[in-house]
C-alpha atoms as a PDB file:
ATOM      1  CA  MET A   1      63.990  15.208  62.856  1.00  0.00           C
ATOM      2  CA  LYS A   2      64.995  12.568  60.311  1.00  0.00           C
ATOM      3  CA  ASP A   3      68.184  10.632  61.306  1.00  0.00           C
ATOM      4  CA  LYS A   4      67.694  11.583  65.169  1.00  0.00           C
ATOM      5  CA  LYS A   5      68.497   9.046  67.685  1.00  0.00           C
ATOM      6  CA  ILE A   6      66.007   8.175  70.505  1.00  0.00           C
ATOM      7  CA  ILE A   7      65.540   5.815  73.074  1.00  0.00           C
ATOM      8  CA  LEU A   8      62.466   3.600  73.696  1.00  0.00           C
ATOM      9  CA  ASN A   9      62.444   0.858  76.416  1.00  0.00           C
ATOM     10  CA  ASP A  10      66.206   1.418  76.974  1.00  0.00           C
ATOM     11  CA  ILE A  11      66.984   0.632  73.231  1.00  0.00           C
ATOM     12  CA  GLU A  12      68.447   3.101  70.858  1.00  0.00           C
ATOM     13  CA  TYR A  13      66.686   3.909  67.558  1.00  0.00           C
ATOM     14  CA  LYS A  14      67.170   6.194  64.552  1.00  0.00           C
ATOM     15  CA  VAL A  15      64.313   7.902  62.746  1.00  0.00           C
ATOM     16  CA  ILE A  16      64.680   7.005  59.199  1.00  0.00           C
ATOM     17  CA  ARG A  17      61.431   8.168  57.972  1.00  0.00           C
ATOM     18  CA  ASN A  18      59.328  10.931  59.245  1.00  0.00           C
ATOM     19  CA  ASP A  19      56.452  12.087  57.213  1.00  0.00           C
ATOM     20  CA  GLU A  20      55.463  15.770  57.875  1.00  0.00           C
ATOM     21  CA  ASP A  21      57.200  15.581  61.195  1.00  0.00           C
ATOM     22  CA  CYS A  22      54.713  13.075  62.422  1.00  0.00           C
ATOM     23  CA  PHE A  23      56.898  11.243  64.987  1.00  0.00           C
ATOM     24  CA  ASP A  24      55.957  11.644  68.508  1.00  0.00           C
ATOM     25  CA  GLN A  25      58.342  10.024  70.759  1.00  0.00           C
ATOM     26  CA  ASP A  26      56.109  10.340  73.775  1.00  0.00           C
ATOM     27  CA  VAL A  27      52.989   8.931  71.969  1.00  0.00           C
ATOM     28  CA  VAL A  28      54.903   5.809  70.945  1.00  0.00           C
ATOM     29  CA  GLN A  29      56.712   5.432  74.290  1.00  0.00           C
ATOM     30  CA  GLU A  30      53.329   5.515  75.949  1.00  0.00           C
ATOM     31  CA  ARG A  31      51.953   2.760  73.479  1.00  0.00           C
ATOM     32  CA  ILE A  32      55.080   0.248  73.847  1.00  0.00           C
ATOM     33  CA  LYS A  33      56.099   1.091  77.491  1.00  0.00           C
ATOM     34  CA  GLU A  34      54.377  -1.880  79.000  1.00  0.00           C
ATOM     35  CA  THR A  35      55.569  -4.657  76.439  1.00  0.00           C
ATOM     36  CA  ASP A  36      58.879  -5.998  74.973  1.00  0.00           C
ATOM     37  CA  TYR A  37      56.784  -7.038  71.699  1.00  0.00           C
ATOM     38  CA  PHE A  38      58.833  -4.721  69.706  1.00  0.00           C
ATOM     39  CA  GLU A  39      62.248  -5.113  70.960  1.00  0.00           C
ATOM     40  CA  LYS A  40      62.740  -8.237  68.924  1.00  0.00           C
ATOM     41  CA  TYR A  41      62.348  -6.272  65.740  1.00  0.00           C
ATOM     42  CA  ASP A  42      64.771  -4.228  63.623  1.00  0.00           C
ATOM     43  CA  TYR A  43      62.270  -1.613  62.552  1.00  0.00           C
ATOM     44  CA  ILE A  44      59.245  -0.164  63.921  1.00  0.00           C
ATOM     45  CA  MET A  45      56.906   1.454  61.410  1.00  0.00           C
ATOM     46  CA  GLY A  46      54.148   3.736  62.541  1.00  0.00           C
ATOM     47  CA  ASP A  47      50.947   5.177  60.695  1.00  0.00           C
ATOM     48  CA  TYR A  48      48.611   7.941  61.643  1.00  0.00           C
ATOM     49  CA  ALA A  49      44.846   7.621  60.961  1.00  0.00           C
ATOM     50  CA  TYR A  50      42.024   9.031  62.653  1.00  0.00           C
ATOM     51  CA  ASP A  51      44.437  10.904  65.133  1.00  0.00           C
ATOM     52  CA  LYS A  52      45.833   7.429  66.379  1.00  0.00           C
ATOM     53  CA  VAL A  53      49.051   5.750  65.746  1.00  0.00           C
ATOM     54  CA  ARG A  54      49.375   2.018  64.748  1.00  0.00           C
ATOM     55  CA  LEU A  55      52.642   0.171  65.118  1.00  0.00           C
ATOM     56  CA  LYS A  56      53.986  -2.642  63.232  1.00  0.00           C
ATOM     57  CA  GLY A  57      57.513  -4.352  63.631  1.00  0.00           C
ATOM     58  CA  TYR A  58      59.808  -5.471  60.624  1.00  0.00           C
ATOM     59  CA  PHE A  59      62.834  -7.431  60.647  1.00  0.00           C
ATOM     60  CA  ASP A  60      65.953  -6.830  58.261  1.00  0.00           C
ATOM     61  CA  SER A  61      65.730  -9.113  55.275  1.00  0.00           C
ATOM     62  CA  LYS A  62      68.978 -10.920  56.495  1.00  0.00           C
ATOM     63  CA  ASN A  63      67.772 -11.564  60.157  1.00  0.00           C
ATOM     64  CA  LYS A  64      67.095 -15.091  60.883  1.00  0.00           C
ATOM     65  CA  ASN A  65      63.456 -14.500  62.076  1.00  0.00           C
ATOM     66  CA  VAL A  66      62.233 -12.634  58.925  1.00  0.00           C
ATOM     67  CA  THR A  67      59.117 -13.849  57.243  1.00  0.00           C
ATOM     68  CA  LYS A  68      57.163 -12.470  54.203  1.00  0.00           C
ATOM     69  CA  ILE A  69      54.980 -10.644  56.255  1.00  0.00           C
ATOM     70  CA  ASN A  70      57.491  -9.004  58.405  1.00  0.00           C
ATOM     71  CA  ASP A  71      60.339  -8.578  56.153  1.00  0.00           C
ATOM     72  CA  ILE A  72      61.251  -4.621  55.599  1.00  0.00           C
ATOM     73  CA  LYS A  73      61.077  -5.200  51.908  1.00  0.00           C
ATOM     74  CA  THR A  74      57.333  -5.550  52.148  1.00  0.00           C
ATOM     75  CA  MET A  75      56.601  -2.105  54.118  1.00  0.00           C
ATOM     76  CA  ASP A  76      55.823  -0.209  51.111  1.00  0.00           C
ATOM     77  CA  ASP A  77      52.991  -2.882  50.095  1.00  0.00           C
ATOM     78  CA  TYR A  78      51.624  -2.772  53.504  1.00  0.00           C
ATOM     79  CA  ILE A  79      51.487   0.866  53.576  1.00  0.00           C
ATOM     80  CA  GLU A  80      49.556   0.830  50.175  1.00  0.00           C
ATOM     81  CA  ASN A  81      46.950  -2.054  51.012  1.00  0.00           C
ATOM     82  CA  TYR A  82      46.584  -1.389  54.725  1.00  0.00           C
ATOM     83  CA  CYS A  83      47.137   2.302  55.543  1.00  0.00           C
ATOM     84  CA  GLN A  84      44.662   4.901  54.968  1.00  0.00           C
ATOM     85  CA  THR A  85      45.589   6.750  51.893  1.00  0.00           C
ATOM     86  CA  GLY A  86      47.738   9.942  52.832  1.00  0.00           C
ATOM     87  CA  ALA A  87      48.398   8.575  56.199  1.00  0.00           C
ATOM     88  CA  LYS A  88      51.562  10.073  57.947  1.00  0.00           C
ATOM     89  CA  ILE A  89      54.271   7.314  58.365  1.00  0.00           C
ATOM     90  CA  PHE A  90      57.289   7.036  60.504  1.00  0.00           C
ATOM     91  CA  VAL A  91      59.981   4.430  60.389  1.00  0.00           C
ATOM     92  CA  LEU A  92      62.293   3.775  63.452  1.00  0.00           C
ATOM     93  CA  GLU A  93      65.541   1.669  62.738  1.00  0.00           C
ATOM     94  CA  LYS A  94      66.814  -0.234  65.993  1.00  0.00           C
ATOM     95  CA  LEU A  95      70.615   0.502  66.285  1.00  0.00           C
ATOM     96  CA  LYS A  96      72.756  -2.172  66.944  1.00  0.00           C
END
């Protein structure tokens, strides 16, 4: 399912990482359907632990809103330090 295009809250994304085909559009849509929180981000990363999905937004490094903690370049550090070892990860990239 990598590189598949999807729509979440009327925004088009491309799946750019999908460990063990873990991305479930219905689950993610249910989590974000009532909020516009993730609309500002260039990427949405999700990790599964204990059968629950956690979401985190990231900006492209060139985005004017980027900070150290939400720069896509720091995603691997976040995964290593804050995600369960062996957690399945997916990443969505917002299409412009």
